[in-house]
Amino acid sequence: MPSNTENQLPLTEATLMIMLSLASAPKHGYAIMQDVEALSEGRVHLSTSTLYGALKRLLEDGWIDRTNRSESSDEGRPRKVYALTRMGRRVLEAEIERLHDLVAAARLRTSEAEP
């Protein structure tokens, strides 16, 4: 029977990329956007509305949290900083395992089809 974490899968690409960005360290929104673009080698570009919609859902699900740390923007406004929670890290790890299994099955099937 699947665990509660596995019931949350699969993640959307945007959600996966945001969570991967936060896996290394807490970040503010703009830094997440930049990191996602770098992680995807420019393939994924998050709009502001996509990012903040996803962050809102991740906060509601308890997968991320706002940290007590704050940063100031160039204009001096405080930036909210986000971090993965333990639950978020478990969901991310379950998704990585799911993707690993999917790729392994695909490789096995395609290698069987080779002459």
PDB file of N, CA and C in Angstrom:
ATOM      1  N   MET A   1       0.838  -1.183   0.000  1.00  0.00           N
ATOM      2  CA  MET A   1       0.000   0.000   0.000  1.00  0.00           C
ATOM      3  C   MET A   1       0.882   1.243   0.000  1.00  0.00           C
ATOM      4  N   PRO A   2       0.584   2.244  -0.835  1.00  0.00           N
ATOM      5  CA  PRO A   2       1.420   3.435  -0.903  1.00  0.00           C
ATOM      6  C   PRO A   2       1.382   4.227   0.400  1.00  0.00           C
ATOM      7  N   SER A   3       2.517   4.858   0.715  1.00  0.00           N
ATOM      8  CA  SER A   3       2.562   5.716   1.899  1.00  0.00           C
ATOM      9  C   SER A   3       1.824   7.001   1.609  1.00  0.00           C
ATOM     10  N   ASN A   4       1.541   7.769   2.643  1.00  0.00           N
ATOM     11  CA  ASN A   4       0.867   9.059   2.493  1.00  0.00           C
ATOM     12  C   ASN A   4       1.677   9.983   1.589  1.00  0.00           C
ATOM     13  N   THR A   5       2.993   9.898   1.686  1.00  0.00           N
ATOM     14  CA  THR A   5       3.866  10.707   0.840  1.00  0.00           C
ATOM     15  C   THR A   5       3.669  10.355  -0.622  1.00  0.00           C
ATOM     16  N   GLU A   6       3.609   9.070  -0.924  1.00  0.00           N
ATOM     17  CA  GLU A   6       3.458   8.636  -2.310  1.00  0.00           C
ATOM     18  C   GLU A   6       2.112   9.023  -2.897  1.00  0.00           C
ATOM     19  N   ASN A   7       1.109   9.225  -2.052  1.00  0.00           N
ATOM     20  CA  ASN A   7      -0.206   9.663  -2.528  1.00  0.00           C
ATOM     21  C   ASN A   7      -0.148  11.077  -3.094  1.00  0.00           C
ATOM     22  N   GLN A   8       0.902  11.814  -2.799  1.00  0.00           N
ATOM     23  CA  GLN A   8       1.054  13.197  -3.256  1.00  0.00           C
ATOM     24  C   GLN A   8       1.712  13.278  -4.637  1.00  0.00           C
ATOM     25  N   LEU A   9       2.132  12.137  -5.163  1.00  0.00           N
ATOM     26  CA  LEU A   9       2.889  12.098  -6.405  1.00  0.00           C
ATOM     27  C   LEU A   9       1.989  11.769  -7.582  1.00  0.00           C
ATOM     28  N   PRO A  10       2.365  12.129  -8.784  1.00  0.00           N
ATOM     29  CA  PRO A  10       3.585  12.820  -9.189  1.00  0.00           C
ATOM     30  C   PRO A  10       3.477  14.320  -8.951  1.00  0.00           C
ATOM     31  N   LEU A  11       4.624  14.953  -8.838  1.00  0.00           N
ATOM     32  CA  LEU A  11       4.681  16.407  -8.706  1.00  0.00           C
ATOM     33  C   LEU A  11       4.667  17.038 -10.092  1.00  0.00           C
ATOM     34  N   THR A  12       4.146  18.250 -10.170  1.00  0.00           N
ATOM     35  CA  THR A  12       4.276  18.982 -11.429  1.00  0.00           C
ATOM     36  C   THR A  12       5.738  19.365 -11.601  1.00  0.00           C
ATOM     37  N   GLU A  13       6.122  19.647 -12.827  1.00  0.00           N
ATOM     38  CA  GLU A  13       7.511  20.020 -13.083  1.00  0.00           C
ATOM     39  C   GLU A  13       7.895  21.279 -12.307  1.00  0.00           C
ATOM     40  N   ALA A  14       7.004  22.258 -12.268  1.00  0.00           N
ATOM     41  CA  ALA A  14       7.306  23.497 -11.539  1.00  0.00           C
ATOM     42  C   ALA A  14       7.517  23.210 -10.058  1.00  0.00           C
ATOM     43  N   THR A  15       6.638  22.403  -9.472  1.00  0.00           N
ATOM     44  CA  THR A  15       6.764  22.070  -8.049  1.00  0.00           C
ATOM     45  C   THR A  15       8.056  21.320  -7.783  1.00  0.00           C
ATOM     46  N   LEU A  16       8.363  20.344  -8.623  1.00  0.00           N
ATOM     47  CA  LEU A  16       9.603  19.590  -8.461  1.00  0.00           C
ATOM     48  C   LEU A  16      10.813  20.516  -8.527  1.00  0.00           C
ATOM     49  N   MET A  17      10.853  21.391  -9.490  1.00  0.00           N
ATOM     50  CA  MET A  17      12.003  22.282  -9.648  1.00  0.00           C
ATOM     51  C   MET A  17      12.133  23.250  -8.464  1.00  0.00           C
ATOM     52  N   ILE A  18      11.026  23.759  -7.971  1.00  0.00           N
ATOM     53  CA  ILE A  18      11.060  24.652  -6.804  1.00  0.00           C
ATOM     54  C   ILE A  18      11.595  23.907  -5.594  1.00  0.00           C
ATOM     55  N   MET A  19      11.104  22.692  -5.386  1.00  0.00           N
ATOM     56  CA  MET A  19      11.568  21.904  -4.243  1.00  0.00           C
ATOM     57  C   MET A  19      13.037  21.529  -4.381  1.00  0.00           C
ATOM     58  N   LEU A  20      13.475  21.199  -5.593  1.00  0.00           N
ATOM     59  CA  LEU A  20      14.901  20.928  -5.809  1.00  0.00           C
ATOM     60  C   LEU A  20      15.742  22.164  -5.496  1.00  0.00           C
ATOM     61  N   SER A  21      15.245  23.327  -5.879  1.00  0.00           N
ATOM     62  CA  SER A  21      15.965  24.568  -5.594  1.00  0.00           C
ATOM     63  C   SER A  21      16.129  24.770  -4.089  1.00  0.00           C
ATOM     64  N   LEU A  22      15.080  24.464  -3.351  1.00  0.00           N
ATOM     65  CA  LEU A  22      15.120  24.666  -1.898  1.00  0.00           C
ATOM     66  C   LEU A  22      15.842  23.541  -1.159  1.00  0.00           C
ATOM     67  N   ALA A  23      16.140  22.440  -1.851  1.00  0.00           N
ATOM     68  CA  ALA A  23      16.806  21.308  -1.193  1.00  0.00           C
ATOM     69  C   ALA A  23      18.204  21.669  -0.717  1.00  0.00           C
ATOM     70  N   SER A  24      18.867  22.578  -1.425  1.00  0.00           N
ATOM     71  CA  SER A  24      20.241  22.924  -1.056  1.00  0.00           C
ATOM     72  C   SER A  24      20.318  23.984   0.035  1.00  0.00           C
ATOM     73  N   ALA A  25      19.357  24.913   0.035  1.00  0.00           N
ATOM     74  CA  ALA A  25      19.381  25.998   1.018  1.00  0.00           C
ATOM     75  C   ALA A  25      18.096  26.810   0.910  1.00  0.00           C
ATOM     76  N   PRO A  26      17.702  27.487   1.996  1.00  0.00           N
ATOM     77  CA  PRO A  26      16.552  28.390   1.914  1.00  0.00           C
ATOM     78  C   PRO A  26      16.827  29.516   0.918  1.00  0.00           C
ATOM     79  N   LYS A  27      15.768  29.975   0.250  1.00  0.00           N
ATOM     80  CA  LYS A  27      15.920  31.036  -0.751  1.00  0.00           C
ATOM     81  C   LYS A  27      14.683  31.918  -0.771  1.00  0.00           C
ATOM     82  N   HIS A  28      14.859  33.137  -1.259  1.00  0.00           N
ATOM     83  CA  HIS A  28      13.720  34.029  -1.508  1.00  0.00           C
ATOM     84  C   HIS A  28      13.225  33.769  -2.929  1.00  0.00           C
ATOM     85  N   GLY A  29      12.062  34.278  -3.246  1.00  0.00           N
ATOM     86  CA  GLY A  29      11.400  33.987  -4.509  1.00  0.00           C
ATOM     87  C   GLY A  29      12.234  34.225  -5.750  1.00  0.00           C
ATOM     88  N   TYR A  30      12.869  35.376  -5.838  1.00  0.00           N
ATOM     89  CA  TYR A  30      13.647  35.681  -7.040  1.00  0.00           C
ATOM     90  C   TYR A  30      14.824  34.723  -7.190  1.00  0.00           C
ATOM     91  N   ALA A  31      15.449  34.373  -6.067  1.00  0.00           N
ATOM     92  CA  ALA A  31      16.564  33.413  -6.108  1.00  0.00           C
ATOM     93  C   ALA A  31      16.072  32.040  -6.557  1.00  0.00           C
ATOM     94  N   ILE A  32      14.860  31.653  -6.148  1.00  0.00           N
ATOM     95  CA  ILE A  32      14.287  30.382  -6.597  1.00  0.00           C
ATOM     96  C   ILE A  32      14.099  30.415  -8.108  1.00  0.00           C
ATOM     97  N   MET A  33      13.541  31.508  -8.622  1.00  0.00           N
ATOM     98  CA  MET A  33      13.325  31.630 -10.068  1.00  0.00           C
ATOM     99  C   MET A  33      14.638  31.486 -10.832  1.00  0.00           C
ATOM    100  N   GLN A  34      15.680  32.154 -10.360  1.00  0.00           N
ATOM    101  CA  GLN A  34      16.983  32.083 -11.017  1.00  0.00           C
ATOM    102  C   GLN A  34      17.568  30.673 -10.931  1.00  0.00           C
ATOM    103  N   ASP A  35      17.441  30.051  -9.767  1.00  0.00           N
ATOM    104  CA  ASP A  35      18.006  28.721  -9.565  1.00  0.00           C
ATOM    105  C   ASP A  35      17.296  27.684 -10.424  1.00  0.00           C
ATOM    106  N   VAL A  36      15.972  27.773 -10.531  1.00  0.00           N
ATOM    107  CA  VAL A  36      15.220  26.841 -11.366  1.00  0.00           C
ATOM    108  C   VAL A  36      15.669  26.954 -12.814  1.00  0.00           C
ATOM    109  N   GLU A  37      15.865  28.171 -13.278  1.00  0.00           N
ATOM    110  CA  GLU A  37      16.319  28.350 -14.652  1.00  0.00           C
ATOM    111  C   GLU A  37      17.714  27.748 -14.839  1.00  0.00           C
ATOM    112  N   ALA A  38      18.592  27.933 -13.848  1.00  0.00           N
ATOM    113  CA  ALA A  38      19.937  27.358 -13.930  1.00  0.00           C
ATOM    114  C   ALA A  38      19.892  25.829 -13.853  1.00  0.00           C
ATOM    115  N   LEU A  39      19.101  25.291 -12.914  1.00  0.00           N
ATOM    116  CA  LEU A  39      18.983  23.834 -12.771  1.00  0.00           C
ATOM    117  C   LEU A  39      18.489  23.177 -14.056  1.00  0.00           C
ATOM    118  N   SER A  40      17.572  23.835 -14.728  1.00  0.00           N
ATOM    119  CA  SER A  40      16.986  23.266 -15.946  1.00  0.00           C
ATOM    120  C   SER A  40      17.751  23.663 -17.197  1.00  0.00           C
ATOM    121  N   GLU A  41      18.871  24.333 -17.012  1.00  0.00           N
ATOM    122  CA  GLU A  41      19.683  24.828 -18.128  1.00  0.00           C
ATOM    123  C   GLU A  41      18.844  25.668 -19.090  1.00  0.00           C
ATOM    124  N   GLY A  42      17.984  26.515 -18.502  1.00  0.00           N
ATOM    125  CA  GLY A  42      17.177  27.449 -19.282  1.00  0.00           C
ATOM    126  C   GLY A  42      15.891  26.880 -19.852  1.00  0.00           C
ATOM    127  N   ARG A  43      15.640  25.594 -19.633  1.00  0.00           N
ATOM    128  CA  ARG A  43      14.441  24.972 -20.191  1.00  0.00           C
ATOM    129  C   ARG A  43      13.177  25.381 -19.444  1.00  0.00           C
ATOM    130  N   VAL A  44      13.278  25.590 -18.124  1.00  0.00           N
ATOM    131  CA  VAL A  44      12.127  25.958 -17.307  1.00  0.00           C
ATOM    132  C   VAL A  44      12.295  27.395 -16.837  1.00  0.00           C
ATOM    133  N   HIS A  45      11.335  28.215 -17.208  1.00  0.00           N
ATOM    134  CA  HIS A  45      11.310  29.611 -16.769  1.00  0.00           C
ATOM    135  C   HIS A  45       9.993  29.823 -16.038  1.00  0.00           C
ATOM    136  N   LEU A  46      10.072  30.074 -14.731  1.00  0.00           N
ATOM    137  CA  LEU A  46       8.871  30.273 -13.924  1.00  0.00           C
ATOM    138  C   LEU A  46       8.418  31.725 -13.997  1.00  0.00           C
ATOM    139  N   SER A  47       7.151  31.931 -14.292  1.00  0.00           N
ATOM    140  CA  SER A  47       6.606  33.281 -14.192  1.00  0.00           C
ATOM    141  C   SER A  47       6.396  33.582 -12.709  1.00  0.00           C
ATOM    142  N   THR A  48       6.250  34.835 -12.398  1.00  0.00           N
ATOM    143  CA  THR A  48       6.024  35.233 -11.006  1.00  0.00           C
ATOM    144  C   THR A  48       4.746  34.599 -10.473  1.00  0.00           C
ATOM    145  N   SER A  49       3.686  34.592 -11.287  1.00  0.00           N
ATOM    146  CA  SER A  49       2.418  34.024 -10.813  1.00  0.00           C
ATOM    147  C   SER A  49       2.528  32.508 -10.606  1.00  0.00           C
ATOM    148  N   THR A  50       3.243  31.816 -11.473  1.00  0.00           N
ATOM    149  CA  THR A  50       3.439  30.376 -11.299  1.00  0.00           C
ATOM    150  C   THR A  50       4.224  30.103 -10.023  1.00  0.00           C
ATOM    151  N   LEU A  51       5.301  30.841  -9.822  1.00  0.00           N
ATOM    152  CA  LEU A  51       6.127  30.649  -8.633  1.00  0.00           C
ATOM    153  C   LEU A  51       5.327  30.889  -7.363  1.00  0.00           C
ATOM    154  N   TYR A  52       4.678  32.036  -7.251  1.00  0.00           N
ATOM    155  CA  TYR A  52       4.004  32.368  -5.998  1.00  0.00           C
ATOM    156  C   TYR A  52       2.745  31.539  -5.786  1.00  0.00           C
ATOM    157  N   GLY A  53       2.098  31.087  -6.862  1.00  0.00           N
ATOM    158  CA  GLY A  53       0.986  30.147  -6.714  1.00  0.00           C
ATOM    159  C   GLY A  53       1.470  28.822  -6.155  1.00  0.00           C
ATOM    160  N   ALA A  54       2.589  28.346  -6.688  1.00  0.00           N
ATOM    161  CA  ALA A  54       3.169  27.089  -6.202  1.00  0.00           C
ATOM    162  C   ALA A  54       3.652  27.235  -4.756  1.00  0.00           C
ATOM    163  N   LEU A  55       4.305  28.346  -4.437  1.00  0.00           N
ATOM    164  CA  LEU A  55       4.774  28.555  -3.063  1.00  0.00           C
ATOM    165  C   LEU A  55       3.596  28.571  -2.085  1.00  0.00           C
ATOM    166  N   LYS A  56       2.494  29.187  -2.491  1.00  0.00           N
ATOM    167  CA  LYS A  56       1.302  29.225  -1.637  1.00  0.00           C
ATOM    168  C   LYS A  56       0.800  27.811  -1.366  1.00  0.00           C
ATOM    169  N   ARG A  57       0.717  26.983  -2.412  1.00  0.00           N
ATOM    170  CA  ARG A  57       0.263  25.595  -2.241  1.00  0.00           C
ATOM    171  C   ARG A  57       1.240  24.799  -1.377  1.00  0.00           C
ATOM    172  N   LEU A  58       2.542  24.996  -1.600  1.00  0.00           N
ATOM    173  CA  LEU A  58       3.539  24.280  -0.813  1.00  0.00           C
ATOM    174  C   LEU A  58       3.477  24.673   0.659  1.00  0.00           C
ATOM    175  N   LEU A  59       3.223  25.944   0.929  1.00  0.00           N
ATOM    176  CA  LEU A  59       3.044  26.395   2.317  1.00  0.00           C
ATOM    177  C   LEU A  59       1.810  25.749   2.933  1.00  0.00           C
ATOM    178  N   GLU A  60       0.691  25.751   2.193  1.00  0.00           N
ATOM    179  CA  GLU A  60      -0.549  25.157   2.696  1.00  0.00           C
ATOM    180  C   GLU A  60      -0.404  23.671   2.958  1.00  0.00           C
ATOM    181  N   ASP A  61       0.366  22.974   2.117  1.00  0.00           N
ATOM    182  CA  ASP A  61       0.581  21.536   2.281  1.00  0.00           C
ATOM    183  C   ASP A  61       1.598  21.213   3.371  1.00  0.00           C
ATOM    184  N   GLY A  62       2.321  22.227   3.848  1.00  0.00           N
ATOM    185  CA  GLY A  62       3.329  22.007   4.885  1.00  0.00           C
ATOM    186  C   GLY A  62       4.639  21.479   4.353  1.00  0.00           C
ATOM    187  N   TRP A  63       4.863  21.598   3.039  1.00  0.00           N
ATOM    188  CA  TRP A  63       6.096  21.093   2.439  1.00  0.00           C
ATOM    189  C   TRP A  63       7.218  22.119   2.499  1.00  0.00           C
ATOM    190  N   ILE A  64       6.864  23.381   2.608  1.00  0.00           N
ATOM    191  CA  ILE A  64       7.845  24.444   2.813  1.00  0.00           C
ATOM    192  C   ILE A  64       7.343  25.327   3.941  1.00  0.00           C
ATOM    193  N   ASP A  65       8.236  26.150   4.439  1.00  0.00           N
ATOM    194  CA  ASP A  65       7.883  27.109   5.483  1.00  0.00           C
ATOM    195  C   ASP A  65       8.660  28.386   5.226  1.00  0.00           C
ATOM    196  N   ARG A  66       8.153  29.482   5.740  1.00  0.00           N
ATOM    197  CA  ARG A  66       8.924  30.730   5.704  1.00  0.00           C
ATOM    198  C   ARG A  66       9.893  30.675   6.869  1.00  0.00           C
ATOM    199  N   THR A  67      11.116  31.070   6.608  1.00  0.00           N
ATOM    200  CA  THR A  67      12.118  31.045   7.670  1.00  0.00           C
ATOM    201  C   THR A  67      12.061  32.342   8.450  1.00  0.00           C
ATOM    202  N   ASN A  68      12.733  32.348   9.581  1.00  0.00           N
ATOM    203  CA  ASN A  68      12.833  33.574  10.371  1.00  0.00           C
ATOM    204  C   ASN A  68      13.832  34.537   9.761  1.00  0.00           C
ATOM    205  N   ARG A  69      14.661  34.005   8.871  1.00  0.00           N
ATOM    206  CA  ARG A  69      15.662  34.816   8.205  1.00  0.00           C
ATOM    207  C   ARG A  69      14.976  35.667   7.146  1.00  0.00           C
ATOM    208  N   SER A  70      15.386  36.897   7.039  1.00  0.00           N
ATOM    209  CA  SER A  70      14.858  37.734   5.960  1.00  0.00           C
ATOM    210  C   SER A  70      16.032  38.409   5.267  1.00  0.00           C
ATOM    211  N   GLU A  71      15.804  38.734   4.027  1.00  0.00           N
ATOM    212  CA  GLU A  71      16.812  39.428   3.234  1.00  0.00           C
ATOM    213  C   GLU A  71      16.179  40.686   2.689  1.00  0.00           C
ATOM    214  N   SER A  72      16.998  41.649   2.380  1.00  0.00           N
ATOM    215  CA  SER A  72      16.496  42.880   1.787  1.00  0.00           C
ATOM    216  C   SER A  72      16.787  42.887   0.301  1.00  0.00           C
ATOM    217  N   SER A  73      15.818  43.374  -0.453  1.00  0.00           N
ATOM    218  CA  SER A  73      16.016  43.520  -1.893  1.00  0.00           C
ATOM    219  C   SER A  73      16.894  44.737  -2.140  1.00  0.00           C
ATOM    220  N   ASP A  74      17.250  44.950  -3.394  1.00  0.00           N
ATOM    221  CA  ASP A  74      18.051  46.120  -3.751  1.00  0.00           C
ATOM    222  C   ASP A  74      17.339  47.409  -3.379  1.00  0.00           C
ATOM    223  N   GLU A  75      15.999  47.352  -3.360  1.00  0.00           N
ATOM    224  CA  GLU A  75      15.210  48.535  -2.998  1.00  0.00           C
ATOM    225  C   GLU A  75      15.021  48.660  -1.489  1.00  0.00           C
ATOM    226  N   GLY A  76      15.560  47.721  -0.726  1.00  0.00           N
ATOM    227  CA  GLY A  76      15.472  47.781   0.726  1.00  0.00           C
ATOM    228  C   GLY A  76      14.235  47.111   1.304  1.00  0.00           C
ATOM    229  N   ARG A  77      13.384  46.541   0.443  1.00  0.00           N
ATOM    230  CA  ARG A  77      12.187  45.847   0.941  1.00  0.00           C
ATOM    231  C   ARG A  77      12.587  44.473   1.457  1.00  0.00           C
ATOM    232  N   PRO A  78      11.948  44.024   2.541  1.00  0.00           N
ATOM    233  CA  PRO A  78      12.269  42.675   3.036  1.00  0.00           C
ATOM    234  C   PRO A  78      11.746  41.614   2.076  1.00  0.00           C
ATOM    235  N   ARG A  79      12.505  40.534   1.919  1.00  0.00           N
ATOM    236  CA  ARG A  79      12.109  39.405   1.082  1.00  0.00           C
ATOM    237  C   ARG A  79      11.788  38.225   1.981  1.00  0.00           C
ATOM    238  N   LYS A  80      10.738  37.506   1.630  1.00  0.00           N
ATOM    239  CA  LYS A  80      10.399  36.292   2.358  1.00  0.00           C
ATOM    240  C   LYS A  80      11.326  35.180   1.884  1.00  0.00           C
ATOM    241  N   VAL A  81      11.830  34.419   2.829  1.00  0.00           N
ATOM    242  CA  VAL A  81      12.740  33.323   2.529  1.00  0.00           C
ATOM    243  C   VAL A  81      12.021  32.021   2.854  1.00  0.00           C
ATOM    244  N   TYR A  82      12.125  31.058   1.939  1.00  0.00           N
ATOM    245  CA  TYR A  82      11.424  29.781   2.055  1.00  0.00           C
ATOM    246  C   TYR A  82      12.415  28.645   2.216  1.00  0.00           C
ATOM    247  N   ALA A  83      11.981  27.606   2.952  1.00  0.00           N
ATOM    248  CA  ALA A  83      12.823  26.428   3.172  1.00  0.00           C
ATOM    249  C   ALA A  83      11.946  25.181   3.145  1.00  0.00           C
ATOM    250  N   LEU A  84      12.529  24.064   2.727  1.00  0.00           N
ATOM    251  CA  LEU A  84      11.815  22.786   2.776  1.00  0.00           C
ATOM    252  C   LEU A  84      11.604  22.372   4.225  1.00  0.00           C
ATOM    253  N   THR A  85      10.463  21.783   4.507  1.00  0.00           N
ATOM    254  CA  THR A  85      10.222  21.168   5.809  1.00  0.00           C
ATOM    255  C   THR A  85      10.646  19.700   5.730  1.00  0.00           C
ATOM    256  N   ARG A  86      10.602  18.999   6.846  1.00  0.00           N
ATOM    257  CA  ARG A  86      10.911  17.562   6.826  1.00  0.00           C
ATOM    258  C   ARG A  86       9.950  16.826   5.903  1.00  0.00           C
ATOM    259  N   MET A  87       8.666  17.183   5.990  1.00  0.00           N
ATOM    260  CA  MET A  87       7.673  16.542   5.125  1.00  0.00           C
ATOM    261  C   MET A  87       7.989  16.845   3.657  1.00  0.00           C
ATOM    262  N   GLY A  88       8.343  18.087   3.356  1.00  0.00           N
ATOM    263  CA  GLY A  88       8.688  18.451   1.996  1.00  0.00           C
ATOM    264  C   GLY A  88       9.880  17.666   1.478  1.00  0.00           C
ATOM    265  N   ARG A  89      10.855  17.471   2.323  1.00  0.00           N
ATOM    266  CA  ARG A  89      12.033  16.693   1.919  1.00  0.00           C
ATOM    267  C   ARG A  89      11.648  15.229   1.667  1.00  0.00           C
ATOM    268  N   ARG A  90      10.741  14.678   2.488  1.00  0.00           N
ATOM    269  CA  ARG A  90      10.282  13.297   2.271  1.00  0.00           C
ATOM    270  C   ARG A  90       9.525  13.185   0.953  1.00  0.00           C
ATOM    271  N   VAL A  91       8.680  14.159   0.657  1.00  0.00           N
ATOM    272  CA  VAL A  91       7.944  14.148  -0.613  1.00  0.00           C
ATOM    273  C   VAL A  91       8.920  14.255  -1.779  1.00  0.00           C
ATOM    274  N   LEU A  92       9.894  15.142  -1.683  1.00  0.00           N
ATOM    275  CA  LEU A  92      10.887  15.298  -2.738  1.00  0.00           C
ATOM    276  C   LEU A  92      11.666  13.995  -2.942  1.00  0.00           C
ATOM    277  N   GLU A  93      12.097  13.368  -1.868  1.00  0.00           N
ATOM    278  CA  GLU A  93      12.833  12.111  -1.980  1.00  0.00           C
ATOM    279  C   GLU A  93      11.970  11.013  -2.607  1.00  0.00           C
ATOM    280  N   ALA A  94      10.679  10.978  -2.255  1.00  0.00           N
ATOM    281  CA  ALA A  94       9.775   9.984  -2.851  1.00  0.00           C
ATOM    282  C   ALA A  94       9.605  10.235  -4.344  1.00  0.00           C
ATOM    283  N   GLU A  95       9.535  11.496  -4.743  1.00  0.00           N
ATOM    284  CA  GLU A  95       9.406  11.818  -6.165  1.00  0.00           C
ATOM    285  C   GLU A  95      10.675  11.455  -6.922  1.00  0.00           C
ATOM    286  N   ILE A  96      11.822  11.714  -6.344  1.00  0.00           N
ATOM    287  CA  ILE A  96      13.087  11.343  -6.982  1.00  0.00           C
ATOM    288  C   ILE A  96      13.146   9.831  -7.164  1.00  0.00           C
ATOM    289  N   GLU A  97      12.735   9.073  -6.157  1.00  0.00           N
ATOM    290  CA  GLU A  97      12.719   7.612  -6.262  1.00  0.00           C
ATOM    291  C   GLU A  97      11.728   7.157  -7.332  1.00  0.00           C
ATOM    292  N   ARG A  98      10.561   7.787  -7.400  1.00  0.00           N
ATOM    293  CA  ARG A  98       9.564   7.442  -8.415  1.00  0.00           C
ATOM    294  C   ARG A  98      10.129   7.678  -9.813  1.00  0.00           C
ATOM    295  N   LEU A  99      10.782   8.829  -9.989  1.00  0.00           N
ATOM    296  CA  LEU A  99      11.363   9.143 -11.297  1.00  0.00           C
ATOM    297  C   LEU A  99      12.500   8.184 -11.644  1.00  0.00           C
ATOM    298  N   HIS A 100      13.301   7.832 -10.662  1.00  0.00           N
ATOM    299  CA  HIS A 100      14.381   6.865 -10.879  1.00  0.00           C
ATOM    300  C   HIS A 100      13.810   5.536 -11.372  1.00  0.00           C
ATOM    301  N   ASP A 101      12.761   5.055 -10.704  1.00  0.00           N
ATOM    302  CA  ASP A 101      12.134   3.793 -11.096  1.00  0.00           C
ATOM    303  C   ASP A 101      11.539   3.882 -12.497  1.00  0.00           C
ATOM    304  N   LEU A 102      10.942   5.016 -12.816  1.00  0.00           N
ATOM    305  CA  LEU A 102      10.353   5.222 -14.135  1.00  0.00           C
ATOM    306  C   LEU A 102      11.420   5.188 -15.228  1.00  0.00           C
ATOM    307  N   VAL A 103      12.518   5.880 -14.993  1.00  0.00           N
ATOM    308  CA  VAL A 103      13.606   5.893 -15.968  1.00  0.00           C
ATOM    309  C   VAL A 103      14.228   4.502 -16.099  1.00  0.00           C
ATOM    310  N   ALA A 104      14.384   3.786 -14.992  1.00  0.00           N
ATOM    311  CA  ALA A 104      14.940   2.434 -15.044  1.00  0.00           C
ATOM    312  C   ALA A 104      14.047   1.516 -15.873  1.00  0.00           C
ATOM    313  N   ALA A 105      12.739   1.603 -15.687  1.00  0.00           N
ATOM    314  CA  ALA A 105      11.807   0.792 -16.468  1.00  0.00           C
ATOM    315  C   ALA A 105      11.880   1.156 -17.947  1.00  0.00           C
ATOM    316  N   ALA A 106      11.970   2.447 -18.243  1.00  0.00           N
ATOM    317  CA  ALA A 106      12.059   2.892 -19.637  1.00  0.00           C
ATOM    318  C   ALA A 106      13.349   2.396 -20.281  1.00  0.00           C
ATOM    319  N   ARG A 107      14.439   2.470 -19.556  1.00  0.00           N
ATOM    320  CA  ARG A 107      15.716   2.000 -20.105  1.00  0.00           C
ATOM    321  C   ARG A 107      15.693   0.497 -20.347  1.00  0.00           C
ATOM    322  N   LEU A 108      15.118  -0.224 -19.415  1.00  0.00           N
ATOM    323  CA  LEU A 108      15.019  -1.670 -19.571  1.00  0.00           C
ATOM    324  C   LEU A 108      14.183  -2.004 -20.803  1.00  0.00           C
ATOM    325  N   ARG A 109      13.052  -1.367 -20.947  1.00  0.00           N
ATOM    326  CA  ARG A 109      12.164  -1.654 -22.065  1.00  0.00           C
ATOM    327  C   ARG A 109      12.790  -1.281 -23.390  1.00  0.00           C
ATOM    328  N   THR A 110      13.460  -0.133 -23.443  1.00  0.00           N
ATOM    329  CA  THR A 110      14.064   0.272 -24.715  1.00  0.00           C
ATOM    330  C   THR A 110      15.282  -0.563 -25.055  1.00  0.00           C
ATOM    331  N   SER A 111      16.005  -1.057 -24.050  1.00  0.00           N
ATOM    332  CA  SER A 111      17.149  -1.919 -24.345  1.00  0.00           C
ATOM    333  C   SER A 111      16.675  -3.286 -24.825  1.00  0.00           C
ATOM    334  N   GLU A 112      15.512  -3.733 -24.363  1.00  0.00           N
ATOM    335  CA  GLU A 112      14.945  -4.998 -24.830  1.00  0.00           C
ATOM    336  C   GLU A 112      14.519  -4.898 -26.291  1.00  0.00           C
ATOM    337  N   ALA A 113      14.142  -3.701 -26.725  1.00  0.00           N
ATOM    338  CA  ALA A 113      13.638  -3.515 -28.069  1.00  0.00           C
ATOM    339  C   ALA A 113      14.754  -3.378 -29.103  1.00  0.00           C
ATOM    340  N   GLU A 114      15.986  -3.175 -28.647  1.00  0.00           N
ATOM    341  CA  GLU A 114      17.105  -3.006 -29.575  1.00  0.00           C
ATOM    342  C   GLU A 114      17.448  -4.341 -30.239  1.00  0.00           C
ATOM    343  N   PRO A 115      17.768  -4.303 -31.536  1.00  0.00           N
ATOM    344  CA  PRO A 115      18.128  -5.543 -32.258  1.00  0.00           C
ATOM    345  C   PRO A 115      19.468  -6.093 -31.827  1.00  0.00           C
TER     346      PRO A 115
END
